[in-house]
């Protein structure tokens, strides 16, 4: 069977960046995220705000190794980092006084990856 590879240059660059940060900072979480993102697009993770609301508490930091969608309600402020997010999801997150970051921004802000939940 033929090996599938991503042709999205932004995604390829992010995967390389995460692997490099994992080695340099000795933080296994970034390698795990890189492996999630390396999967074929049909196997990538899609998370709705309702799931984030269910599994987080106020002021948690969450990473979604895929796409964030807007289905559901968010009742408390959280920081969410994702590869991509729908415009409506970003708006609902802002309405709940939460914050949206890209994965690269989260790595720069928290290089060790401490106190970060992976939701998928």
Protein backbone atom coordinates (compact mmCIF):
# COMPACT_ATOMS: atom_id res chain seq x y z
CA UNK A 1 0.00 0.00 0.00
CA UNK A 2 1.18 3.49 -0.85
CA UNK A 3 2.22 5.81 1.98
CA UNK A 4 0.12 8.96 2.22
CA UNK A 5 1.81 12.30 2.78
CA UNK A 6 0.43 15.73 3.49
CA UNK A 7 0.80 18.24 0.71
CA UNK A 8 -0.19 21.17 2.93
CA UNK A 9 3.09 23.08 3.43
CA UNK A 10 1.81 24.82 6.58
CA UNK A 11 0.98 21.45 8.17
CA UNK A 12 4.29 19.89 7.13
CA UNK A 13 6.19 22.84 8.61
CA UNK A 14 4.21 22.62 11.86
CA UNK A 15 4.91 18.89 12.21
CA UNK A 16 8.64 19.47 11.75
CA UNK A 17 8.55 22.33 14.26
CA UNK A 18 6.75 20.19 16.86
CA UNK A 19 9.21 17.32 16.48
CA UNK A 20 12.14 19.70 16.86
CA UNK A 21 10.64 21.32 19.97
CA UNK A 22 9.94 17.91 21.46
CA UNK A 23 13.62 16.97 21.19
CA UNK A 24 14.99 20.35 22.32
CA UNK A 25 12.68 20.85 25.29
CA UNK A 26 12.32 17.15 26.16
CA UNK A 27 8.53 17.54 26.08
CA UNK A 28 6.81 14.43 24.75
CA UNK A 29 3.48 16.21 24.33
CA UNK A 30 4.69 17.97 21.17
CA UNK A 31 5.74 14.66 19.60
CA UNK A 32 2.28 13.25 20.37
CA UNK A 33 0.62 16.24 18.70
CA UNK A 34 2.92 15.87 15.67
CA UNK A 35 1.89 12.21 15.35
CA UNK A 36 -1.83 13.14 15.50
CA UNK A 37 -1.32 15.76 12.80
CA UNK A 38 0.67 13.33 10.61
CA UNK A 39 -2.35 11.10 10.12
CA UNK A 40 -4.30 11.19 6.85
CA UNK A 41 -6.94 13.93 6.68
CA UNK A 42 -9.81 11.47 6.98
CA UNK A 43 -8.43 10.33 10.37
CA UNK A 44 -7.70 13.78 11.78
CA UNK A 45 -9.47 14.93 14.88
CA UNK A 46 -12.48 17.25 14.78
CA UNK A 47 -13.73 18.62 18.12
CA UNK A 48 -16.85 20.62 18.93
CA UNK A 49 -17.03 23.26 21.64
CA UNK A 50 -19.50 21.10 23.55
CA UNK A 51 -16.78 18.49 24.14
CA UNK A 52 -14.36 21.16 25.36
CA UNK A 53 -17.06 22.49 27.69
CA UNK A 54 -17.69 19.00 29.07
CA UNK A 55 -14.06 18.06 29.78
CA UNK A 56 -12.52 21.34 30.94
CA UNK A 57 -12.77 23.76 33.81
CA UNK A 58 -12.31 27.50 34.02
CA UNK A 59 -8.88 28.74 32.81
CA UNK A 60 -7.74 25.36 31.42
CA UNK A 61 -5.44 25.19 28.41
CA UNK A 62 -6.52 22.74 25.72
CA UNK A 63 -4.93 21.60 22.48
CA UNK A 64 -6.91 20.15 19.58
CA UNK A 65 -4.68 18.34 17.05
CA UNK A 66 -7.09 19.04 14.22
CA UNK A 67 -10.06 21.32 13.65
CA UNK A 68 -12.24 23.12 16.19
CA UNK A 69 -15.93 23.41 15.30
CA UNK A 70 -18.70 25.51 16.84
CA UNK A 71 -21.39 22.97 17.76
CA UNK A 72 -22.46 23.36 21.35
CA UNK A 73 -22.10 25.98 24.05
CA UNK A 74 -19.05 27.06 26.02
CA UNK A 75 -19.87 28.23 29.56
CA UNK A 76 -16.43 29.13 30.89
CA UNK A 77 -13.24 30.78 29.59
CA UNK A 78 -10.54 28.43 28.32
CA UNK A 79 -7.48 28.79 26.11
CA UNK A 80 -7.74 26.59 23.03
CA UNK A 81 -4.95 25.87 20.56
CA UNK A 82 -5.84 24.09 17.33
CA UNK A 83 -4.47 23.57 13.84
CA UNK A 84 -7.57 25.29 12.46
CA UNK A 85 -10.92 26.55 13.71
CA UNK A 86 -14.13 27.67 12.12
CA UNK A 87 -14.97 31.36 12.29
CA UNK A 88 -18.08 30.62 14.36
CA UNK A 89 -16.04 28.57 16.87
CA UNK A 90 -13.60 31.46 17.31
CA UNK A 91 -16.51 33.83 17.84
CA UNK A 92 -18.16 31.58 20.46
CA UNK A 93 -14.80 31.19 22.22
CA UNK A 94 -14.36 34.96 22.32
CA UNK A 95 -17.93 35.41 23.61
CA UNK A 96 -17.10 33.07 26.52
CA UNK A 97 -14.02 35.25 27.22
CA UNK A 98 -11.76 32.42 26.05
CA UNK A 99 -8.69 32.66 23.89
CA UNK A 100 -7.78 30.97 20.59
CA UNK A 101 -4.13 30.28 19.72
CA UNK A 102 -2.41 28.41 16.95
CA UNK A 103 -0.41 25.38 18.02
CA UNK A 104 2.86 27.18 17.25
CA UNK A 105 1.83 30.11 19.48
CA UNK A 106 1.08 27.70 22.32
CA UNK A 107 4.50 26.05 21.94
CA UNK A 108 6.17 29.48 22.15
CA UNK A 109 4.08 30.42 25.20
CA UNK A 110 4.48 27.07 27.01
CA UNK A 111 7.58 25.24 25.68
CA UNK A 112 7.42 22.46 28.28
CA UNK A 113 3.77 21.76 27.53
CA UNK A 114 2.84 21.66 31.21
CA UNK A 115 -0.82 21.77 32.26
CA UNK A 116 -2.06 21.31 28.69
CA UNK A 117 -4.91 18.89 27.94
CA UNK A 118 -5.17 17.09 24.61
CA UNK A 119 -8.79 16.75 23.55
CA UNK A 120 -9.65 14.56 20.64
